[in-house]
Amino acid sequence: MTIKLSEKDGAMRFEVHAKPRAKKSRIVGPRGDALEVALAAPPVDGAANEELVRVLAAALGLPRRNVTIVRGETSQKKLVAVDPAGLDENTLLARLLRPV
């Protein structure tokens, strides 16, 4: 099973299912067509969203400015856009889905 990627305006987009208030922030893996991400931050004042951007950027080896939340700021289900900065689709998926 893998996550569904789409491309718009040069950015790779995918759905994320965020799980705030986890013990540890980490990418859990695919959940349907989305990527499940556990976040140690609470869903208060944008803390969980900031942590989500940090976790994804770190996993991809990209600066945080390359990862943006397009839709779902106040929801567990979010649409994230990544400026791949030269990464192809296969490399992006491999980095997101590699075992921790």
PDB file of N, CA and C in Angstrom:
ATOM      1  N   MET A   1       0.850  -1.175   0.000  1.00  0.00           N
ATOM      2  CA  MET A   1       0.000   0.000   0.000  1.00  0.00           C
ATOM      3  C   MET A   1       0.899   1.242   0.000  1.00  0.00           C
ATOM      4  N   THR A   2       0.478   2.256  -0.705  1.00  0.00           N
ATOM      5  CA  THR A   2       1.275   3.472  -0.774  1.00  0.00           C
ATOM      6  C   THR A   2       0.368   4.690  -0.765  1.00  0.00           C
ATOM      7  N   ILE A   3       0.947   5.835  -0.539  1.00  0.00           N
ATOM      8  CA  ILE A   3       0.147   7.055  -0.528  1.00  0.00           C
ATOM      9  C   ILE A   3      -0.048   7.565  -1.954  1.00  0.00           C
ATOM     10  N   LYS A   4      -1.114   8.311  -2.148  1.00  0.00           N
ATOM     11  CA  LYS A   4      -1.444   8.841  -3.461  1.00  0.00           C
ATOM     12  C   LYS A   4      -0.839  10.235  -3.606  1.00  0.00           C
ATOM     13  N   LEU A   5       0.027  10.388  -4.596  1.00  0.00           N
ATOM     14  CA  LEU A   5       0.658  11.679  -4.876  1.00  0.00           C
ATOM     15  C   LEU A   5       0.001  12.318  -6.086  1.00  0.00           C
ATOM     16  N   SER A   6      -0.117  13.642  -6.048  1.00  0.00           N
ATOM     17  CA  SER A   6      -0.538  14.387  -7.228  1.00  0.00           C
ATOM     18  C   SER A   6       0.426  15.557  -7.378  1.00  0.00           C
ATOM     19  N   GLU A   7       0.407  16.169  -8.542  1.00  0.00           N
ATOM     20  CA  GLU A   7       1.327  17.273  -8.805  1.00  0.00           C
ATOM     21  C   GLU A   7       0.525  18.488  -9.244  1.00  0.00           C
ATOM     22  N   LYS A   8       0.839  19.639  -8.664  1.00  0.00           N
ATOM     23  CA  LYS A   8       0.186  20.885  -9.054  1.00  0.00           C
ATOM     24  C   LYS A   8       1.175  22.026  -8.882  1.00  0.00           C
ATOM     25  N   ASP A   9       1.345  22.805  -9.934  1.00  0.00           N
ATOM     26  CA  ASP A   9       2.241  23.967  -9.911  1.00  0.00           C
ATOM     27  C   ASP A   9       3.654  23.602  -9.457  1.00  0.00           C
ATOM     28  N   GLY A  10       4.126  22.426  -9.862  1.00  0.00           N
ATOM     29  CA  GLY A  10       5.487  22.011  -9.538  1.00  0.00           C
ATOM     30  C   GLY A  10       5.655  21.408  -8.160  1.00  0.00           C
ATOM     31  N   ALA A  11       4.580  21.367  -7.364  1.00  0.00           N
ATOM     32  CA  ALA A  11       4.653  20.798  -6.011  1.00  0.00           C
ATOM     33  C   ALA A  11       3.977  19.433  -5.991  1.00  0.00           C
ATOM     34  N   MET A  12       4.524  18.526  -5.201  1.00  0.00           N
ATOM     35  CA  MET A  12       3.916  17.217  -4.999  1.00  0.00           C
ATOM     36  C   MET A  12       2.944  17.349  -3.833  1.00  0.00           C
ATOM     37  N   ARG A  13       1.722  16.838  -4.011  1.00  0.00           N
ATOM     38  CA  ARG A  13       0.695  16.945  -2.972  1.00  0.00           C
ATOM     39  C   ARG A  13       0.258  15.560  -2.518  1.00  0.00           C
ATOM     40  N   PHE A  14      -0.042  15.457  -1.235  1.00  0.00           N
ATOM     41  CA  PHE A  14      -0.566  14.202  -0.689  1.00  0.00           C
ATOM     42  C   PHE A  14      -1.351  14.495   0.577  1.00  0.00           C
ATOM     43  N   GLU A  15      -2.255  13.572   0.890  1.00  0.00           N
ATOM     44  CA  GLU A  15      -3.078  13.693   2.093  1.00  0.00           C
ATOM     45  C   GLU A  15      -2.299  13.169   3.299  1.00  0.00           C
ATOM     46  N   VAL A  16      -2.520  13.809   4.440  1.00  0.00           N
ATOM     47  CA  VAL A  16      -1.905  13.386   5.692  1.00  0.00           C
ATOM     48  C   VAL A  16      -2.994  13.231   6.734  1.00  0.00           C
ATOM     49  N   HIS A  17      -2.925  12.139   7.482  1.00  0.00           N
ATOM     50  CA  HIS A  17      -3.802  11.963   8.645  1.00  0.00           C
ATOM     51  C   HIS A  17      -2.931  12.224   9.875  1.00  0.00           C
ATOM     52  N   ALA A  18      -3.166  13.353  10.525  1.00  0.00           N
ATOM     53  CA  ALA A  18      -2.349  13.758  11.676  1.00  0.00           C
ATOM     54  C   ALA A  18      -2.954  13.214  12.974  1.00  0.00           C
ATOM     55  N   LYS A  19      -2.090  12.719  13.851  1.00  0.00           N
ATOM     56  CA  LYS A  19      -2.510  12.224  15.159  1.00  0.00           C
ATOM     57  C   LYS A  19      -1.762  13.017  16.231  1.00  0.00           C
ATOM     58  N   PRO A  20      -2.343  14.139  16.679  1.00  0.00           N
ATOM     59  CA  PRO A  20      -1.673  14.949  17.699  1.00  0.00           C
ATOM     60  C   PRO A  20      -1.655  14.261  19.062  1.00  0.00           C
ATOM     61  N   ARG A  21      -0.839  14.804  19.946  1.00  0.00           N
ATOM     62  CA  ARG A  21      -0.682  14.329  21.332  1.00  0.00           C
ATOM     63  C   ARG A  21      -0.125  12.906  21.412  1.00  0.00           C
ATOM     64  N   ALA A  22       0.690  12.527  20.453  1.00  0.00           N
ATOM     65  CA  ALA A  22       1.347  11.217  20.511  1.00  0.00           C
ATOM     66  C   ALA A  22       2.541  11.321  21.460  1.00  0.00           C
ATOM     67  N   LYS A  23       3.065  10.183  21.878  1.00  0.00           N
ATOM     68  CA  LYS A  23       4.257  10.182  22.735  1.00  0.00           C
ATOM     69  C   LYS A  23       5.455  10.753  22.007  1.00  0.00           C
ATOM     70  N   LYS A  24       5.547  10.416  20.713  1.00  0.00           N
ATOM     71  CA  LYS A  24       6.715  10.791  19.921  1.00  0.00           C
ATOM     72  C   LYS A  24       6.251  11.158  18.514  1.00  0.00           C
ATOM     73  N   SER A  25       6.853  12.184  17.936  1.00  0.00           N
ATOM     74  CA  SER A  25       6.534  12.552  16.555  1.00  0.00           C
ATOM     75  C   SER A  25       7.239  11.602  15.606  1.00  0.00           C
ATOM     76  N   ARG A  26       6.469  11.019  14.667  1.00  0.00           N
ATOM     77  CA  ARG A  26       7.053  10.106  13.692  1.00  0.00           C
ATOM     78  C   ARG A  26       6.060   9.844  12.573  1.00  0.00           C
ATOM     79  N   ILE A  27       6.584   9.415  11.454  1.00  0.00           N
ATOM     80  CA  ILE A  27       5.744   8.982  10.347  1.00  0.00           C
ATOM     81  C   ILE A  27       5.371   7.536  10.620  1.00  0.00           C
ATOM     82  N   VAL A  28       4.064   7.280  10.723  1.00  0.00           N
ATOM     83  CA  VAL A  28       3.580   5.941  11.039  1.00  0.00           C
ATOM     84  C   VAL A  28       3.578   5.074   9.782  1.00  0.00           C
ATOM     85  N   GLY A  29       3.097   5.637   8.671  1.00  0.00           N
ATOM     86  CA  GLY A  29       3.045   4.898   7.413  1.00  0.00           C
ATOM     87  C   GLY A  29       1.754   5.171   6.678  1.00  0.00           C
ATOM     88  N   PRO A  30       1.491   4.415   5.623  1.00  0.00           N
ATOM     89  CA  PRO A  30       0.283   4.637   4.836  1.00  0.00           C
ATOM     90  C   PRO A  30      -0.981   4.303   5.636  1.00  0.00           C
ATOM     91  N   ARG A  31      -2.013   5.074   5.395  1.00  0.00           N
ATOM     92  CA  ARG A  31      -3.348   4.812   5.959  1.00  0.00           C
ATOM     93  C   ARG A  31      -4.322   5.101   4.836  1.00  0.00           C
ATOM     94  N   GLY A  32      -4.738   4.084   4.124  1.00  0.00           N
ATOM     95  CA  GLY A  32      -5.528   4.276   2.913  1.00  0.00           C
ATOM     96  C   GLY A  32      -4.636   4.951   1.877  1.00  0.00           C
ATOM     97  N   ASP A  33      -5.111   6.042   1.290  1.00  0.00           N
ATOM     98  CA  ASP A  33      -4.319   6.811   0.327  1.00  0.00           C
ATOM     99  C   ASP A  33      -3.482   7.896   0.999  1.00  0.00           C
ATOM    100  N   ALA A  34      -3.621   8.038   2.325  1.00  0.00           N
ATOM    101  CA  ALA A  34      -2.957   9.116   3.055  1.00  0.00           C
ATOM    102  C   ALA A  34      -1.735   8.596   3.808  1.00  0.00           C
ATOM    103  N   LEU A  35      -0.949   9.540   4.306  1.00  0.00           N
ATOM    104  CA  LEU A  35       0.212   9.226   5.136  1.00  0.00           C
ATOM    105  C   LEU A  35      -0.165   9.548   6.575  1.00  0.00           C
ATOM    106  N   GLU A  36      -0.049   8.582   7.475  1.00  0.00           N
ATOM    107  CA  GLU A  36      -0.357   8.813   8.881  1.00  0.00           C
ATOM    108  C   GLU A  36       0.895   9.297   9.605  1.00  0.00           C
ATOM    109  N   VAL A  37       0.745  10.408  10.335  1.00  0.00           N
ATOM    110  CA  VAL A  37       1.869  10.994  11.060  1.00  0.00           C
ATOM    111  C   VAL A  37       1.453  11.251  12.507  1.00  0.00           C
ATOM    112  N   ALA A  38       2.188  10.671  13.447  1.00  0.00           N
ATOM    113  CA  ALA A  38       1.967  10.915  14.872  1.00  0.00           C
ATOM    114  C   ALA A  38       2.743  12.165  15.259  1.00  0.00           C
ATOM    115  N   LEU A  39       2.094  13.035  16.034  1.00  0.00           N
ATOM    116  CA  LEU A  39       2.711  14.308  16.420  1.00  0.00           C
ATOM    117  C   LEU A  39       2.703  14.468  17.930  1.00  0.00           C
ATOM    118  N   ALA A  40       3.861  14.784  18.505  1.00  0.00           N
ATOM    119  CA  ALA A  40       3.973  14.954  19.953  1.00  0.00           C
ATOM    120  C   ALA A  40       3.320  16.251  20.421  1.00  0.00           C
ATOM    121  N   ALA A  41       3.035  17.160  19.511  1.00  0.00           N
ATOM    122  CA  ALA A  41       2.463  18.463  19.868  1.00  0.00           C
ATOM    123  C   ALA A  41       0.941  18.380  19.970  1.00  0.00           C
ATOM    124  N   PRO A  42       0.353  19.228  20.824  1.00  0.00           N
ATOM    125  CA  PRO A  42      -1.110  19.286  20.912  1.00  0.00           C
ATOM    126  C   PRO A  42      -1.682  20.126  19.766  1.00  0.00           C
ATOM    127  N   PRO A  43      -2.969  19.921  19.442  1.00  0.00           N
ATOM    128  CA  PRO A  43      -3.583  20.701  18.364  1.00  0.00           C
ATOM    129  C   PRO A  43      -4.038  22.071  18.859  1.00  0.00           C
ATOM    130  N   VAL A  44      -3.110  22.834  19.417  1.00  0.00           N
ATOM    131  CA  VAL A  44      -3.420  24.141  19.997  1.00  0.00           C
ATOM    132  C   VAL A  44      -2.499  25.195  19.399  1.00  0.00           C
ATOM    133  N   ASP A  45      -3.063  26.310  18.979  1.00  0.00           N
ATOM    134  CA  ASP A  45      -2.294  27.450  18.450  1.00  0.00           C
ATOM    135  C   ASP A  45      -1.344  27.053  17.311  1.00  0.00           C
ATOM    136  N   GLY A  46      -1.740  26.075  16.517  1.00  0.00           N
ATOM    137  CA  GLY A  46      -0.927  25.695  15.366  1.00  0.00           C
ATOM    138  C   GLY A  46       0.299  24.857  15.695  1.00  0.00           C
ATOM    139  N   ALA A  47       0.431  24.429  16.951  1.00  0.00           N
ATOM    140  CA  ALA A  47       1.620  23.664  17.355  1.00  0.00           C
ATOM    141  C   ALA A  47       1.724  22.341  16.601  1.00  0.00           C
ATOM    142  N   ALA A  48       0.614  21.637  16.437  1.00  0.00           N
ATOM    143  CA  ALA A  48       0.642  20.356  15.734  1.00  0.00           C
ATOM    144  C   ALA A  48       0.975  20.565  14.255  1.00  0.00           C
ATOM    145  N   ASN A  49       0.458  21.627  13.657  1.00  0.00           N
ATOM    146  CA  ASN A  49       0.764  21.911  12.246  1.00  0.00           C
ATOM    147  C   ASN A  49       2.249  22.211  12.064  1.00  0.00           C
ATOM    148  N   GLU A  50       2.816  22.988  12.973  1.00  0.00           N
ATOM    149  CA  GLU A  50       4.250  23.292  12.901  1.00  0.00           C
ATOM    150  C   GLU A  50       5.079  22.017  13.050  1.00  0.00           C
ATOM    151  N   GLU A  51       4.659  21.154  13.958  1.00  0.00           N
ATOM    152  CA  GLU A  51       5.374  19.896  14.171  1.00  0.00           C
ATOM    153  C   GLU A  51       5.251  18.996  12.937  1.00  0.00           C
ATOM    154  N   LEU A  52       4.087  18.986  12.310  1.00  0.00           N
ATOM    155  CA  LEU A  52       3.895  18.197  11.087  1.00  0.00           C
ATOM    156  C   LEU A  52       4.854  18.658   9.992  1.00  0.00           C
ATOM    157  N   VAL A  53       4.949  19.955   9.780  1.00  0.00           N
ATOM    158  CA  VAL A  53       5.857  20.500   8.768  1.00  0.00           C
ATOM    159  C   VAL A  53       7.298  20.126   9.103  1.00  0.00           C
ATOM    160  N   ARG A  54       7.670  20.226  10.384  1.00  0.00           N
ATOM    161  CA  ARG A  54       9.032  19.894  10.809  1.00  0.00           C
ATOM    162  C   ARG A  54       9.350  18.417  10.548  1.00  0.00           C
ATOM    163  N   VAL A  55       8.421  17.530  10.907  1.00  0.00           N
ATOM    164  CA  VAL A  55       8.632  16.085  10.747  1.00  0.00           C
ATOM    165  C   VAL A  55       8.764  15.719   9.265  1.00  0.00           C
ATOM    166  N   LEU A  56       7.874  16.244   8.432  1.00  0.00           N
ATOM    167  CA  LEU A  56       7.922  15.918   7.004  1.00  0.00           C
ATOM    168  C   LEU A  56       9.190  16.474   6.355  1.00  0.00           C
ATOM    169  N   ALA A  57       9.548  17.713   6.679  1.00  0.00           N
ATOM    170  CA  ALA A  57      10.758  18.318   6.110  1.00  0.00           C
ATOM    171  C   ALA A  57      11.997  17.510   6.508  1.00  0.00           C
ATOM    172  N   ALA A  58      12.064  17.090   7.766  1.00  0.00           N
ATOM    173  CA  ALA A  58      13.209  16.304   8.233  1.00  0.00           C
ATOM    174  C   ALA A  58      13.278  14.955   7.508  1.00  0.00           C
ATOM    175  N   ALA A  59      12.137  14.302   7.352  1.00  0.00           N
ATOM    176  CA  ALA A  59      12.112  12.997   6.677  1.00  0.00           C
ATOM    177  C   ALA A  59      12.542  13.116   5.220  1.00  0.00           C
ATOM    178  N   LEU A  60      12.180  14.222   4.592  1.00  0.00           N
ATOM    179  CA  LEU A  60      12.495  14.415   3.179  1.00  0.00           C
ATOM    180  C   LEU A  60      13.868  15.038   2.950  1.00  0.00           C
ATOM    181  N   GLY A  61      14.482  15.547   4.023  1.00  0.00           N
ATOM    182  CA  GLY A  61      15.774  16.206   3.877  1.00  0.00           C
ATOM    183  C   GLY A  61      15.654  17.537   3.170  1.00  0.00           C
ATOM    184  N   LEU A  62      14.534  18.219   3.392  1.00  0.00           N
ATOM    185  CA  LEU A  62      14.265  19.519   2.758  1.00  0.00           C
ATOM    186  C   LEU A  62      14.083  20.586   3.824  1.00  0.00           C
ATOM    187  N   PRO A  63      14.284  21.862   3.455  1.00  0.00           N
ATOM    188  CA  PRO A  63      13.996  22.940   4.404  1.00  0.00           C
ATOM    189  C   PRO A  63      12.492  23.011   4.693  1.00  0.00           C
ATOM    190  N   ARG A  64      12.125  23.484   5.874  1.00  0.00           N
ATOM    191  CA  ARG A  64      10.711  23.591   6.250  1.00  0.00           C
ATOM    192  C   ARG A  64       9.905  24.443   5.266  1.00  0.00           C
ATOM    193  N   ARG A  65      10.541  25.432   4.678  1.00  0.00           N
ATOM    194  CA  ARG A  65       9.814  26.318   3.748  1.00  0.00           C
ATOM    195  C   ARG A  65       9.317  25.565   2.510  1.00  0.00           C
ATOM    196  N   ASN A  66       9.852  24.366   2.261  1.00  0.00           N
ATOM    197  CA  ASN A  66       9.425  23.563   1.107  1.00  0.00           C
ATOM    198  C   ASN A  66       8.179  22.726   1.393  1.00  0.00           C
ATOM    199  N   VAL A  67       7.715  22.729   2.637  1.00  0.00           N
ATOM    200  CA  VAL A  67       6.544  21.939   3.030  1.00  0.00           C
ATOM    201  C   VAL A  67       5.459  22.887   3.524  1.00  0.00           C
ATOM    202  N   THR A  68       4.273  22.825   2.893  1.00  0.00           N
ATOM    203  CA  THR A  68       3.168  23.695   3.310  1.00  0.00           C
ATOM    204  C   THR A  68       1.879  22.889   3.441  1.00  0.00           C
ATOM    205  N   ILE A  69       1.041  23.327   4.362  1.00  0.00           N
ATOM    206  CA  ILE A  69      -0.285  22.728   4.524  1.00  0.00           C
ATOM    207  C   ILE A  69      -1.239  23.535   3.656  1.00  0.00           C
ATOM    208  N   VAL A  70      -1.807  22.883   2.644  1.00  0.00           N
ATOM    209  CA  VAL A  70      -2.686  23.544   1.682  1.00  0.00           C
ATOM    210  C   VAL A  70      -4.110  23.615   2.215  1.00  0.00           C
ATOM    211  N   ARG A  71      -4.547  22.527   2.844  1.00  0.00           N
ATOM    212  CA  ARG A  71      -5.930  22.449   3.321  1.00  0.00           C
ATOM    213  C   ARG A  71      -5.972  21.606   4.587  1.00  0.00           C
ATOM    214  N   GLY A  72      -6.869  21.980   5.509  1.00  0.00           N
ATOM    215  CA  GLY A  72      -7.065  21.177   6.709  1.00  0.00           C
ATOM    216  C   GLY A  72      -6.302  21.656   7.925  1.00  0.00           C
ATOM    217  N   GLU A  73      -6.050  22.952   8.000  1.00  0.00           N
ATOM    218  CA  GLU A  73      -5.302  23.510   9.144  1.00  0.00           C
ATOM    219  C   GLU A  73      -5.898  23.084  10.497  1.00  0.00           C
ATOM    220  N   THR A  74      -7.237  22.982  10.566  1.00  0.00           N
ATOM    221  CA  THR A  74      -7.884  22.665  11.846  1.00  0.00           C
ATOM    222  C   THR A  74      -8.450  21.245  11.877  1.00  0.00           C
ATOM    223  N   SER A  75      -8.050  20.424  10.937  1.00  0.00           N
ATOM    224  CA  SER A  75      -8.570  19.067  10.823  1.00  0.00           C
ATOM    225  C   SER A  75      -7.437  18.056  10.972  1.00  0.00           C
ATOM    226  N   GLN A  76      -7.798  16.816  11.297  1.00  0.00           N
ATOM    227  CA  GLN A  76      -6.780  15.761  11.325  1.00  0.00           C
ATOM    228  C   GLN A  76      -6.369  15.384   9.909  1.00  0.00           C
ATOM    229  N   LYS A  77      -7.293  15.533   8.965  1.00  0.00           N
ATOM    230  CA  LYS A  77      -7.001  15.216   7.572  1.00  0.00           C
ATOM    231  C   LYS A  77      -6.535  16.483   6.867  1.00  0.00           C
ATOM    232  N   LYS A  78      -5.331  16.444   6.338  1.00  0.00           N
ATOM    233  CA  LYS A  78      -4.715  17.626   5.737  1.00  0.00           C
ATOM    234  C   LYS A  78      -4.211  17.311   4.336  1.00  0.00           C
ATOM    235  N   LEU A  79      -4.139  18.338   3.518  1.00  0.00           N
ATOM    236  CA  LEU A  79      -3.491  18.225   2.217  1.00  0.00           C
ATOM    237  C   LEU A  79      -2.183  18.995   2.321  1.00  0.00           C
ATOM    238  N   VAL A  80      -1.087  18.303   2.045  1.00  0.00           N
ATOM    239  CA  VAL A  80       0.242  18.895   2.166  1.00  0.00           C
ATOM    240  C   VAL A  80       0.869  19.006   0.782  1.00  0.00           C
ATOM    241  N   ALA A  81       1.533  20.129   0.535  1.00  0.00           N
ATOM    242  CA  ALA A  81       2.279  20.321  -0.710  1.00  0.00           C
ATOM    243  C   ALA A  81       3.761  20.397  -0.375  1.00  0.00           C
ATOM    244  N   VAL A  82       4.566  19.709  -1.190  1.00  0.00           N
ATOM    245  CA  VAL A  82       6.012  19.702  -0.993  1.00  0.00           C
ATOM    246  C   VAL A  82       6.670  20.180  -2.274  1.00  0.00           C
ATOM    247  N   ASP A  83       7.490  21.230  -2.155  1.00  0.00           N
ATOM    248  CA  ASP A  83       8.333  21.645  -3.281  1.00  0.00           C
ATOM    249  C   ASP A  83       9.490  20.664  -3.279  1.00  0.00           C
ATOM    250  N   PRO A  84       9.524  19.750  -4.252  1.00  0.00           N
ATOM    251  CA  PRO A  84      10.480  18.638  -4.175  1.00  0.00           C
ATOM    252  C   PRO A  84      11.937  19.013  -4.364  1.00  0.00           C
ATOM    253  N   ALA A  85      12.234  20.215  -4.816  1.00  0.00           N
ATOM    254  CA  ALA A  85      13.624  20.681  -4.945  1.00  0.00           C
ATOM    255  C   ALA A  85      14.508  19.633  -5.615  1.00  0.00           C
ATOM    256  N   GLY A  86      14.028  19.098  -6.735  1.00  0.00           N
ATOM    257  CA  GLY A  86      14.837  18.149  -7.488  1.00  0.00           C
ATOM    258  C   GLY A  86      14.579  16.689  -7.172  1.00  0.00           C
ATOM    259  N   LEU A  87      13.784  16.407  -6.132  1.00  0.00           N
ATOM    260  CA  LEU A  87      13.465  15.010  -5.814  1.00  0.00           C
ATOM    261  C   LEU A  87      12.401  14.512  -6.788  1.00  0.00           C
ATOM    262  N   ASP A  88      12.582  13.298  -7.287  1.00  0.00           N
ATOM    263  CA  ASP A  88      11.529  12.735  -8.128  1.00  0.00           C
ATOM    264  C   ASP A  88      10.495  12.035  -7.234  1.00  0.00           C
ATOM    265  N   GLU A  89       9.400  11.632  -7.844  1.00  0.00           N
ATOM    266  CA  GLU A  89       8.287  11.035  -7.102  1.00  0.00           C
ATOM    267  C   GLU A  89       8.713   9.789  -6.331  1.00  0.00           C
ATOM    268  N   ASN A  90       9.507   8.924  -6.940  1.00  0.00           N
ATOM    269  CA  ASN A  90       9.942   7.690  -6.279  1.00  0.00           C
ATOM    270  C   ASN A  90      10.828   7.970  -5.073  1.00  0.00           C
ATOM    271  N   THR A  91      11.727   8.941  -5.196  1.00  0.00           N
ATOM    272  CA  THR A  91      12.605   9.297  -4.075  1.00  0.00           C
ATOM    273  C   THR A  91      11.789   9.894  -2.940  1.00  0.00           C
ATOM    274  N   LEU A  92      10.835  10.756  -3.282  1.00  0.00           N
ATOM    275  CA  LEU A  92       9.969  11.375  -2.283  1.00  0.00           C
ATOM    276  C   LEU A  92       9.211  10.293  -1.504  1.00  0.00           C
ATOM    277  N   LEU A  93       8.595   9.356  -2.215  1.00  0.00           N
ATOM    278  CA  LEU A  93       7.866   8.273  -1.549  1.00  0.00           C
ATOM    279  C   LEU A  93       8.789   7.408  -0.712  1.00  0.00           C
ATOM    280  N   ALA A  94       9.962   7.087  -1.240  1.00  0.00           N
ATOM    281  CA  ALA A  94      10.918   6.249  -0.498  1.00  0.00           C
ATOM    282  C   ALA A  94      11.316   6.921   0.822  1.00  0.00           C
ATOM    283  N   ARG A  95      11.525   8.225   0.806  1.00  0.00           N
ATOM    284  CA  ARG A  95      11.929   8.932   2.035  1.00  0.00           C
ATOM    285  C   ARG A  95      10.781   9.012   3.034  1.00  0.00           C
ATOM    286  N   LEU A  96       9.557   9.187   2.536  1.00  0.00           N
ATOM    287  CA  LEU A  96       8.403   9.265   3.434  1.00  0.00           C
ATOM    288  C   LEU A  96       8.070   7.917   4.064  1.00  0.00           C
ATOM    289  N   LEU A  97       8.289   6.846   3.312  1.00  0.00           N
ATOM    290  CA  LEU A  97       7.853   5.524   3.753  1.00  0.00           C
ATOM    291  C   LEU A  97       8.968   4.634   4.280  1.00  0.00           C
ATOM    292  N   ARG A  98      10.184   5.167   4.396  1.00  0.00           N
ATOM    293  CA  ARG A  98      11.274   4.306   4.892  1.00  0.00           C
ATOM    294  C   ARG A  98      11.051   4.001   6.370  1.00  0.00           C
ATOM    295  N   PRO A  99      11.458   2.800   6.776  1.00  0.00           N
ATOM    296  CA  PRO A  99      11.280   2.411   8.183  1.00  0.00           C
ATOM    297  C   PRO A  99      12.091   3.314   9.113  1.00  0.00           C
ATOM    298  N   VAL A 100      11.534   3.553  10.276  1.00  0.00           N
ATOM    299  CA  VAL A 100      12.203   4.434  11.250  1.00  0.00           C
ATOM    300  C   VAL A 100      13.124   3.623  12.127  1.00  0.00           C
TER     301      VAL A 100
END
